Amino acid sequence: MDGSADRCHPVGYLYVVCAGIGCQGRPARDHRWVQAVPIVRKTAKLIYYTSDSWDRHAAVVSPGCVSREQLETDTRCRDDCSRGEARCRHGYPAGVIPVPADCRGPGPASQLFFATREAAEDYLHREERERAGQPGPEAPPIKELRRAMVNAHPDRGGTAEQFIEAHRRYESALQRR
């Protein structure tokens, strides 16, 4: 079997928030959703993704790649911002990376890739919650999630699926902190 067949099947997904607005004389409708962008290959340094559409005019993003290290690393400023701002907005948390400028398609995608659907959906609904004056979703305490993950481990009587789900919830809560 040659390696080209393996490149056709996604090895995972990146997620991007999209917003569609009416066109061709139709009334403008604010429709927002999270789009999965197939990852076709991962190396130690790069994550390669493809378009979800063969039509380059309708594609959410153009095919390209992002730095795996930058996606997996928290690049936000720490306690003291070098620019002297009290609430720093520089950099991104682990699991979030900008869509490369040359890969932003003409489609309705935002400018950020997310490693998990949950993080993308949280970003999608954050602005709506802020306008309504509602707080963000309450994350379960990390200790409880860690304990649930340990209890779901196959060595403790759980199944692989239960462990994977518990681990996903734990990682998602860590990203929200």
N, C-alpha and C. Protein backbone atom coordinates (compact mmCIF):
# COMPACT_ATOMS: atom_id res chain seq x y z
N MET A 1 0.85 -1.19 0.00
CA MET A 1 0.00 0.00 0.00
C MET A 1 0.89 1.24 0.00
N ASP A 2 0.63 2.16 -0.90
CA ASP A 2 1.44 3.38 -0.93
C ASP A 2 0.87 4.41 0.04
N GLY A 3 1.66 5.40 0.37
CA GLY A 3 1.29 6.42 1.36
C GLY A 3 0.22 7.37 0.88
N SER A 4 -0.03 7.45 -0.45
CA SER A 4 -1.00 8.41 -0.95
C SER A 4 -2.42 8.05 -0.53
N ALA A 5 -2.72 6.77 -0.37
CA ALA A 5 -4.06 6.38 0.04
C ALA A 5 -4.34 6.84 1.47
N ASP A 6 -3.31 6.84 2.31
CA ASP A 6 -3.49 7.25 3.69
C ASP A 6 -3.80 8.73 3.81
N ARG A 7 -3.37 9.54 2.87
CA ARG A 7 -3.57 10.99 2.95
C ARG A 7 -5.02 11.39 2.68
N CYS A 8 -5.82 10.48 2.11
CA CYS A 8 -7.20 10.80 1.79
C CYS A 8 -8.11 10.74 3.01
N HIS A 9 -7.71 10.00 4.03
CA HIS A 9 -8.54 9.84 5.22
C HIS A 9 -8.07 10.77 6.32
N PRO A 10 -9.00 11.53 6.91
CA PRO A 10 -8.60 12.45 7.98
C PRO A 10 -8.00 11.70 9.17
N VAL A 11 -6.97 12.28 9.77
CA VAL A 11 -6.39 11.72 10.99
C VAL A 11 -6.87 12.51 12.19
N GLY A 12 -7.76 13.44 11.97
CA GLY A 12 -8.31 14.29 13.02
C GLY A 12 -8.92 15.52 12.38
N TYR A 13 -9.28 16.48 13.21
CA TYR A 13 -9.89 17.70 12.70
C TYR A 13 -9.40 18.91 13.48
N LEU A 14 -9.35 20.04 12.78
CA LEU A 14 -9.25 21.35 13.40
C LEU A 14 -10.65 21.94 13.25
N TYR A 15 -11.00 22.89 14.09
CA TYR A 15 -12.34 23.46 14.04
C TYR A 15 -12.24 24.96 13.87
N VAL A 16 -13.14 25.51 13.06
CA VAL A 16 -13.16 26.93 12.79
C VAL A 16 -14.60 27.42 12.90
N VAL A 17 -14.77 28.61 13.47
CA VAL A 17 -16.10 29.21 13.61
C VAL A 17 -16.44 29.92 12.30
N CYS A 18 -17.65 29.70 11.82
CA CYS A 18 -18.08 30.31 10.55
C CYS A 18 -19.34 31.12 10.78
N ALA A 19 -19.53 32.12 9.94
CA ALA A 19 -20.74 32.94 9.99
C ALA A 19 -21.18 33.22 8.56
N GLY A 20 -22.42 32.92 8.27
CA GLY A 20 -22.96 33.16 6.94
C GLY A 20 -23.94 34.31 6.97
N ILE A 21 -23.85 35.17 6.00
CA ILE A 21 -24.76 36.31 5.90
C ILE A 21 -25.41 36.23 4.54
N GLY A 22 -26.67 36.59 4.47
CA GLY A 22 -27.42 36.49 3.23
C GLY A 22 -26.73 37.16 2.06
N CYS A 23 -26.99 36.66 0.86
CA CYS A 23 -26.39 37.23 -0.34
C CYS A 23 -27.37 37.14 -1.49
N GLN A 24 -27.03 37.65 -2.61
CA GLN A 24 -27.83 37.65 -3.84
C GLN A 24 -29.22 38.23 -3.61
N GLY A 25 -29.28 39.35 -2.90
CA GLY A 25 -30.54 40.04 -2.70
C GLY A 25 -31.40 39.47 -1.59
N ARG A 26 -31.00 38.36 -1.00
CA ARG A 26 -31.77 37.79 0.11
C ARG A 26 -31.51 38.61 1.37
N PRO A 27 -32.46 38.60 2.31
CA PRO A 27 -32.21 39.34 3.56
C PRO A 27 -31.05 38.73 4.32
N ALA A 28 -30.29 39.57 4.95
CA ALA A 28 -29.13 39.11 5.70
C ALA A 28 -29.59 38.31 6.92
N ARG A 29 -29.05 37.11 7.07
CA ARG A 29 -29.33 36.26 8.23
C ARG A 29 -28.02 35.94 8.88
N ASP A 30 -27.97 36.14 10.16
CA ASP A 30 -26.76 35.82 10.89
C ASP A 30 -26.84 34.35 11.30
N HIS A 31 -26.15 33.53 10.59
CA HIS A 31 -26.11 32.09 10.86
C HIS A 31 -24.67 31.74 11.20
N ARG A 32 -24.45 31.19 12.41
CA ARG A 32 -23.10 30.88 12.85
C ARG A 32 -23.02 29.40 13.19
N TRP A 33 -21.87 28.79 12.89
CA TRP A 33 -21.69 27.37 13.17
C TRP A 33 -20.21 27.06 13.31
N VAL A 34 -19.92 25.85 13.76
CA VAL A 34 -18.54 25.37 13.87
C VAL A 34 -18.31 24.36 12.75
N GLN A 35 -17.28 24.60 11.96
CA GLN A 35 -16.96 23.73 10.82
C GLN A 35 -15.73 22.90 11.14
N ALA A 36 -15.81 21.59 10.91
CA ALA A 36 -14.65 20.71 11.08
C ALA A 36 -13.81 20.77 9.81
N VAL A 37 -12.50 20.97 9.98
CA VAL A 37 -11.57 21.01 8.86
C VAL A 37 -10.67 19.78 8.98
N PRO A 38 -10.73 18.87 8.00
CA PRO A 38 -9.98 17.61 8.11
C PRO A 38 -8.46 17.80 8.15
N ILE A 39 -7.82 17.11 9.10
CA ILE A 39 -6.36 17.04 9.15
C ILE A 39 -5.97 15.82 8.33
N VAL A 40 -5.10 16.03 7.34
CA VAL A 40 -4.71 14.91 6.49
C VAL A 40 -3.37 14.30 6.88
N ARG A 41 -2.57 15.04 7.66
CA ARG A 41 -1.27 14.51 8.05
C ARG A 41 -0.72 15.32 9.21
N LYS A 42 -0.10 14.60 10.15
CA LYS A 42 0.58 15.25 11.28
C LYS A 42 2.02 14.78 11.29
N THR A 43 2.92 15.73 11.44
CA THR A 43 4.33 15.40 11.63
C THR A 43 4.74 15.97 12.98
N ALA A 44 5.98 15.79 13.35
CA ALA A 44 6.46 16.32 14.62
C ALA A 44 6.38 17.84 14.66
N LYS A 45 6.47 18.50 13.50
CA LYS A 45 6.50 19.96 13.47
C LYS A 45 5.25 20.60 12.89
N LEU A 46 4.55 19.93 11.98
CA LEU A 46 3.44 20.56 11.27
C LEU A 46 2.18 19.71 11.29
N ILE A 47 1.04 20.38 11.17
CA ILE A 47 -0.26 19.74 11.00
C ILE A 47 -0.80 20.23 9.66
N TYR A 48 -1.03 19.30 8.73
CA TYR A 48 -1.52 19.64 7.40
C TYR A 48 -3.02 19.42 7.36
N TYR A 49 -3.75 20.38 6.82
CA TYR A 49 -5.20 20.27 6.72
C TYR A 49 -5.61 20.55 5.29
N THR A 50 -6.82 20.13 4.97
CA THR A 50 -7.33 20.31 3.63
C THR A 50 -8.61 21.13 3.69
N SER A 51 -9.14 21.43 2.55
CA SER A 51 -10.40 22.15 2.49
C SER A 51 -11.54 21.16 2.65
N ASP A 52 -12.66 21.61 3.14
CA ASP A 52 -13.83 20.75 3.26
C ASP A 52 -14.64 20.74 1.96
N SER A 53 -14.18 21.45 0.96
CA SER A 53 -14.91 21.59 -0.28
C SER A 53 -13.93 21.58 -1.46
N TRP A 54 -14.35 21.00 -2.56
CA TRP A 54 -13.50 21.04 -3.75
C TRP A 54 -13.65 22.38 -4.47
N ASP A 55 -14.71 23.10 -4.18
CA ASP A 55 -14.95 24.40 -4.80
C ASP A 55 -14.18 25.46 -4.02
N ARG A 56 -13.10 25.98 -4.60
CA ARG A 56 -12.25 26.93 -3.89
C ARG A 56 -12.99 28.22 -3.56
N HIS A 57 -14.06 28.53 -4.28
CA HIS A 57 -14.81 29.75 -4.00
C HIS A 57 -15.72 29.58 -2.78
N ALA A 58 -16.10 28.34 -2.48
CA ALA A 58 -16.98 28.08 -1.34
C ALA A 58 -16.23 27.51 -0.14
N ALA A 59 -14.94 27.27 -0.30
CA ALA A 59 -14.16 26.63 0.77
C ALA A 59 -14.09 27.53 2.00
N VAL A 60 -14.19 26.91 3.16
CA VAL A 60 -14.07 27.64 4.41
C VAL A 60 -12.65 28.14 4.57
N VAL A 61 -11.67 27.26 4.36
CA VAL A 61 -10.26 27.63 4.36
C VAL A 61 -9.59 26.91 3.21
N SER A 62 -8.50 27.47 2.72
CA SER A 62 -7.72 26.80 1.69
C SER A 62 -6.80 25.80 2.36
N PRO A 63 -6.42 24.73 1.65
CA PRO A 63 -5.50 23.75 2.24
C PRO A 63 -4.19 24.41 2.67
N GLY A 64 -3.61 23.91 3.75
CA GLY A 64 -2.37 24.48 4.26
C GLY A 64 -1.86 23.70 5.45
N CYS A 65 -1.03 24.36 6.26
CA CYS A 65 -0.49 23.72 7.46
C CYS A 65 -0.26 24.77 8.54
N VAL A 66 -0.23 24.28 9.79
CA VAL A 66 0.06 25.12 10.94
C VAL A 66 1.13 24.45 11.78
N SER A 67 1.80 25.22 12.58
CA SER A 67 2.84 24.71 13.47
C SER A 67 2.21 23.90 14.60
N ARG A 68 2.62 22.67 14.74
CA ARG A 68 2.10 21.82 15.80
C ARG A 68 2.51 22.36 17.18
N GLU A 69 3.75 22.84 17.28
CA GLU A 69 4.24 23.37 18.55
C GLU A 69 3.42 24.59 18.97
N GLN A 70 3.15 25.50 18.04
CA GLN A 70 2.38 26.70 18.38
C GLN A 70 0.94 26.35 18.76
N LEU A 71 0.35 25.33 18.11
CA LEU A 71 -1.01 24.93 18.44
C LEU A 71 -1.07 24.31 19.84
N GLU A 72 -0.05 23.57 20.22
CA GLU A 72 -0.07 22.84 21.49
C GLU A 72 0.51 23.64 22.66
N THR A 73 1.00 24.86 22.40
CA THR A 73 1.63 25.68 23.44
C THR A 73 0.79 26.90 23.76
N ASP A 74 0.71 27.25 25.03
CA ASP A 74 0.04 28.47 25.46
C ASP A 74 0.99 29.63 25.19
N THR A 75 0.62 30.51 24.25
CA THR A 75 1.50 31.61 23.85
C THR A 75 1.05 32.96 24.43
N ARG A 76 0.11 32.93 25.37
CA ARG A 76 -0.36 34.18 25.96
C ARG A 76 0.72 34.77 26.88
N CYS A 77 0.67 36.09 27.04
CA CYS A 77 1.56 36.76 27.99
C CYS A 77 1.20 36.30 29.39
N ARG A 78 2.15 36.28 30.24
CA ARG A 78 1.90 35.88 31.63
C ARG A 78 1.54 37.10 32.47
N ASP A 79 1.85 37.12 33.73
CA ASP A 79 1.45 38.16 34.66
C ASP A 79 1.74 39.58 34.17
N ASP A 80 2.92 39.79 33.63
CA ASP A 80 3.25 41.14 33.19
C ASP A 80 3.37 41.17 31.66
N CYS A 81 2.58 42.00 31.08
CA CYS A 81 2.59 42.14 29.63
C CYS A 81 3.72 43.07 29.22
N SER A 82 4.45 42.68 28.21
CA SER A 82 5.57 43.51 27.75
C SER A 82 5.08 44.84 27.18
N ARG A 83 3.81 44.90 26.82
CA ARG A 83 3.26 46.14 26.27
C ARG A 83 2.63 47.01 27.34
N GLY A 84 2.69 46.57 28.60
CA GLY A 84 2.20 47.38 29.70
C GLY A 84 0.70 47.39 29.87
N GLU A 85 -0.03 46.47 29.26
CA GLU A 85 -1.48 46.44 29.39
C GLU A 85 -1.88 45.62 30.61
N ALA A 86 -2.91 46.07 31.30
CA ALA A 86 -3.36 45.36 32.50
C ALA A 86 -3.96 44.00 32.14
N ARG A 87 -4.83 43.95 31.15
CA ARG A 87 -5.43 42.69 30.71
C ARG A 87 -4.89 42.37 29.32
N CYS A 88 -3.90 41.54 29.28
CA CYS A 88 -3.21 41.25 28.03
C CYS A 88 -4.06 40.38 27.10
N ARG A 89 -4.06 40.70 25.85
CA ARG A 89 -4.78 39.91 24.85
C ARG A 89 -3.82 39.39 23.77
N HIS A 90 -2.55 39.28 24.09
CA HIS A 90 -1.57 38.83 23.12
C HIS A 90 -1.39 37.32 23.24
N GLY A 91 -1.26 36.66 22.12
CA GLY A 91 -1.05 35.23 22.12
C GLY A 91 -2.36 34.47 22.26
N TYR A 92 -2.25 33.14 22.28
CA TYR A 92 -3.41 32.27 22.30
C TYR A 92 -3.20 31.14 23.30
N PRO A 93 -4.29 30.63 23.87
CA PRO A 93 -4.14 29.47 24.76
C PRO A 93 -3.77 28.24 23.95
N ALA A 94 -3.30 27.21 24.62
CA ALA A 94 -2.99 25.95 23.94
C ALA A 94 -4.27 25.46 23.27
N GLY A 95 -4.15 24.98 22.05
CA GLY A 95 -5.30 24.49 21.31
C GLY A 95 -5.95 25.52 20.42
N VAL A 96 -5.38 26.73 20.34
CA VAL A 96 -5.91 27.79 19.48
C VAL A 96 -4.75 28.38 18.69
N ILE A 97 -4.96 28.56 17.39
CA ILE A 97 -3.92 29.14 16.53
C ILE A 97 -4.60 29.91 15.40
N PRO A 98 -4.02 31.01 14.95
CA PRO A 98 -4.62 31.74 13.84
C PRO A 98 -4.56 30.92 12.54
N VAL A 99 -5.58 31.07 11.72
CA VAL A 99 -5.56 30.49 10.38
C VAL A 99 -4.54 31.30 9.60
N PRO A 100 -3.56 30.65 8.94
CA PRO A 100 -2.57 31.43 8.18
C PRO A 100 -3.25 32.34 7.16
N ALA A 101 -2.75 33.55 7.03
CA ALA A 101 -3.36 34.57 6.17
C ALA A 101 -3.52 34.09 4.73
N ASP A 102 -2.56 33.33 4.23
CA ASP A 102 -2.64 32.88 2.85
C ASP A 102 -3.60 31.69 2.68
N CYS A 103 -4.15 31.17 3.77
CA CYS A 103 -5.06 30.03 3.69
C CYS A 103 -6.49 30.40 4.03
N ARG A 104 -6.74 31.66 4.34
CA ARG A 104 -8.11 32.07 4.60
C ARG A 104 -8.85 32.10 3.28
N GLY A 105 -9.80 31.23 3.16
CA GLY A 105 -10.57 31.15 1.93
C GLY A 105 -11.56 32.30 1.84
N PRO A 106 -12.24 32.39 0.72
CA PRO A 106 -13.25 33.42 0.56
C PRO A 106 -14.51 33.10 1.35
N GLY A 107 -14.55 31.93 1.96
CA GLY A 107 -15.72 31.49 2.73
C GLY A 107 -15.88 32.26 4.02
N PRO A 108 -16.82 31.82 4.83
CA PRO A 108 -17.23 32.57 6.02
C PRO A 108 -16.46 32.24 7.30
N ALA A 109 -15.24 31.76 7.21
CA ALA A 109 -14.51 31.32 8.40
C ALA A 109 -13.96 32.49 9.21
N SER A 110 -13.86 32.25 10.52
CA SER A 110 -13.19 33.23 11.38
C SER A 110 -11.69 33.10 11.15
N GLN A 111 -10.92 33.77 11.96
CA GLN A 111 -9.48 33.76 11.76
C GLN A 111 -8.74 32.85 12.71
N LEU A 112 -9.47 31.96 13.43
CA LEU A 112 -8.83 31.07 14.41
C LEU A 112 -9.19 29.61 14.17
N PHE A 113 -8.19 28.73 14.33
CA PHE A 113 -8.41 27.30 14.38
C PHE A 113 -8.46 26.88 15.84
N PHE A 114 -9.29 25.91 16.16
CA PHE A 114 -9.37 25.34 17.50
C PHE A 114 -9.09 23.86 17.42
N ALA A 115 -8.42 23.32 18.44
CA ALA A 115 -8.09 21.90 18.46
C ALA A 115 -9.29 21.04 18.83
N THR A 116 -10.27 21.61 19.54
CA THR A 116 -11.45 20.84 19.94
C THR A 116 -12.72 21.56 19.53
N ARG A 117 -13.75 20.78 19.25
CA ARG A 117 -15.05 21.35 18.91
C ARG A 117 -15.59 22.16 20.09
N GLU A 118 -15.37 21.67 21.32
CA GLU A 118 -15.88 22.36 22.50
C GLU A 118 -15.31 23.77 22.62
N ALA A 119 -14.01 23.92 22.37
CA ALA A 119 -13.38 25.24 22.45
C ALA A 119 -13.94 26.17 21.37
N ALA A 120 -14.17 25.63 20.18
CA ALA A 120 -14.73 26.45 19.10
C ALA A 120 -16.16 26.87 19.42
N GLU A 121 -16.96 25.96 19.99
CA GLU A 121 -18.33 26.30 20.34
C GLU A 121 -18.37 27.32 21.48
N ASP A 122 -17.46 27.18 22.43
CA ASP A 122 -17.39 28.16 23.51
C ASP A 122 -17.08 29.55 22.95
N TYR A 123 -16.13 29.62 22.02
CA TYR A 123 -15.78 30.89 21.37
C TYR A 123 -16.97 31.44 20.59
N LEU A 124 -17.69 30.55 19.91
CA LEU A 124 -18.84 30.93 19.11
C LEU A 124 -19.92 31.58 19.97
N HIS A 125 -20.18 31.01 21.14
CA HIS A 125 -21.27 31.48 21.97
C HIS A 125 -20.86 32.51 23.02
N ARG A 126 -19.56 32.73 23.20
CA ARG A 126 -19.08 33.68 24.21
C ARG A 126 -19.63 35.08 23.97
N GLU A 127 -19.57 35.54 22.74
CA GLU A 127 -20.03 36.90 22.42
C GLU A 127 -21.53 37.04 22.68
N GLU A 128 -22.31 36.01 22.34
CA GLU A 128 -23.74 36.05 22.59
C GLU A 128 -24.04 36.10 24.08
N ARG A 129 -23.30 35.32 24.88
CA ARG A 129 -23.49 35.31 26.33
C ARG A 129 -23.14 36.67 26.92
N GLU A 130 -22.05 37.29 26.44
CA GLU A 130 -21.65 38.59 26.96
C GLU A 130 -22.69 39.65 26.66
N ARG A 131 -23.29 39.61 25.47
CA ARG A 131 -24.33 40.58 25.12
C ARG A 131 -25.56 40.40 26.01
N ALA A 132 -25.87 39.16 26.35
CA ALA A 132 -27.02 38.87 27.19
C ALA A 132 -26.71 39.04 28.67
N GLY A 133 -25.44 39.28 29.00
CA GLY A 133 -25.04 39.46 30.38
C GLY A 133 -24.99 38.18 31.17
N GLN A 134 -24.90 37.04 30.47
CA GLN A 134 -24.84 35.75 31.15
C GLN A 134 -23.40 35.34 31.34
N PRO A 135 -23.10 34.70 32.47
CA PRO A 135 -21.74 34.19 32.66
C PRO A 135 -21.50 32.99 31.76
N GLY A 136 -20.24 32.66 31.55
CA GLY A 136 -19.87 31.50 30.77
C GLY A 136 -20.27 30.22 31.47
N PRO A 137 -20.23 29.10 30.76
CA PRO A 137 -20.60 27.85 31.38
C PRO A 137 -19.68 27.53 32.55
N GLU A 138 -20.27 27.07 33.64
CA GLU A 138 -19.50 26.74 34.84
C GLU A 138 -18.74 25.44 34.59
N ALA A 139 -17.45 25.49 34.67
CA ALA A 139 -16.63 24.29 34.47
C ALA A 139 -16.57 23.50 35.78
N PRO A 140 -16.69 22.18 35.68
CA PRO A 140 -16.56 21.37 36.89
C PRO A 140 -15.15 21.54 37.46
N PRO A 141 -15.00 21.42 38.77
CA PRO A 141 -13.67 21.54 39.36
C PRO A 141 -12.70 20.51 38.76
N ILE A 142 -11.48 20.96 38.56
CA ILE A 142 -10.46 20.11 37.94
C ILE A 142 -10.26 18.82 38.73
N LYS A 143 -10.32 18.91 40.05
CA LYS A 143 -10.13 17.71 40.87
C LYS A 143 -11.17 16.65 40.55
N GLU A 144 -12.43 17.08 40.40
CA GLU A 144 -13.50 16.13 40.09
C GLU A 144 -13.27 15.49 38.73
N LEU A 145 -12.87 16.28 37.75
CA LEU A 145 -12.63 15.75 36.42
C LEU A 145 -11.45 14.78 36.41
N ARG A 146 -10.41 15.12 37.16
CA ARG A 146 -9.25 14.24 37.25
C ARG A 146 -9.64 12.91 37.90
N ARG A 147 -10.45 12.98 38.96
CA ARG A 147 -10.90 11.77 39.65
C ARG A 147 -11.76 10.92 38.71
N ALA A 148 -12.65 11.57 37.96
CA ALA A 148 -13.50 10.84 37.01
C ALA A 148 -12.66 10.18 35.93
N MET A 149 -11.60 10.86 35.51
CA MET A 149 -10.72 10.28 34.49
C MET A 149 -10.01 9.05 35.04
N VAL A 150 -9.51 9.13 36.26
CA VAL A 150 -8.83 7.99 36.89
C VAL A 150 -9.80 6.82 37.04
N ASN A 151 -11.03 7.10 37.48
CA ASN A 151 -12.03 6.04 37.68
C ASN A 151 -12.47 5.40 36.36
N ALA A 152 -12.40 6.14 35.26
CA ALA A 152 -12.82 5.62 33.96
C ALA A 152 -11.71 4.82 33.27
N HIS A 153 -10.50 4.84 33.82
CA HIS A 153 -9.37 4.14 33.19
C HIS A 153 -9.63 2.64 33.15
N PRO A 154 -9.26 1.97 32.06
CA PRO A 154 -9.47 0.52 31.95
C PRO A 154 -8.82 -0.29 33.08
N ASP A 155 -7.72 0.19 33.64
CA ASP A 155 -7.09 -0.52 34.75
C ASP A 155 -7.93 -0.44 36.02
N ARG A 156 -8.88 0.50 36.05
CA ARG A 156 -9.75 0.67 37.21
C ARG A 156 -11.17 0.17 36.93
N GLY A 157 -11.36 -0.57 35.84
CA GLY A 157 -12.68 -1.14 35.53
C GLY A 157 -13.47 -0.38 34.50
N GLY A 158 -12.96 0.73 34.02
CA GLY A 158 -13.66 1.50 32.98
C GLY A 158 -13.34 0.95 31.60
N THR A 159 -13.92 1.56 30.59
CA THR A 159 -13.63 1.18 29.21
C THR A 159 -12.77 2.25 28.56
N ALA A 160 -12.19 1.90 27.42
CA ALA A 160 -11.37 2.87 26.70
C ALA A 160 -12.20 4.08 26.28
N GLU A 161 -13.45 3.85 25.85
CA GLU A 161 -14.32 4.94 25.43
C GLU A 161 -14.64 5.88 26.60
N GLN A 162 -14.91 5.29 27.78
CA GLN A 162 -15.20 6.11 28.95
C GLN A 162 -13.98 6.95 29.33
N PHE A 163 -12.80 6.34 29.25
CA PHE A 163 -11.58 7.07 29.60
C PHE A 163 -11.32 8.21 28.62
N ILE A 164 -11.48 7.93 27.33
CA ILE A 164 -11.26 8.96 26.31
C ILE A 164 -12.22 10.14 26.52
N GLU A 165 -13.49 9.85 26.80
CA GLU A 165 -14.47 10.91 27.03
C GLU A 165 -14.12 11.71 28.29
N ALA A 166 -13.74 11.01 29.37
CA ALA A 166 -13.36 11.71 30.60
C ALA A 166 -12.11 12.57 30.38
N HIS A 167 -11.15 12.05 29.62
CA HIS A 167 -9.93 12.80 29.32
C HIS A 167 -10.24 14.04 28.48
N ARG A 168 -11.18 13.91 27.52
CA ARG A 168 -11.58 15.04 26.69
C ARG A 168 -12.21 16.14 27.56
N ARG A 169 -13.09 15.76 28.50
CA ARG A 169 -13.71 16.75 29.40
C ARG A 169 -12.65 17.43 30.26
N TYR A 170 -11.68 16.66 30.74
CA TYR A 170 -10.62 17.20 31.58
C TYR A 170 -9.79 18.22 30.79
N GLU A 171 -9.35 17.83 29.59
CA GLU A 171 -8.54 18.74 28.77
C GLU A 171 -9.32 20.00 28.39
N SER A 172 -10.60 19.85 28.10
CA SER A 172 -11.43 20.99 27.75
C SER A 172 -11.53 21.97 28.92
N ALA A 173 -11.68 21.43 30.15
CA ALA A 173 -11.74 22.29 31.33
C ALA A 173 -10.42 23.00 31.58
N LEU A 174 -9.31 22.31 31.31
CA LEU A 174 -8.00 22.95 31.49
C LEU A 174 -7.83 24.11 30.51
N GLN A 175 -8.34 23.97 29.29
CA GLN A 175 -8.21 25.04 28.30
C GLN A 175 -9.03 26.25 28.66
N ARG A 176 -10.13 26.06 29.39
CA ARG A 176 -10.99 27.19 29.77
C ARG A 176 -10.41 28.00 30.92
N ARG A 177 -9.46 27.44 31.66
CA ARG A 177 -8.90 28.13 32.82
C ARG A 177 -8.09 29.32 32.42
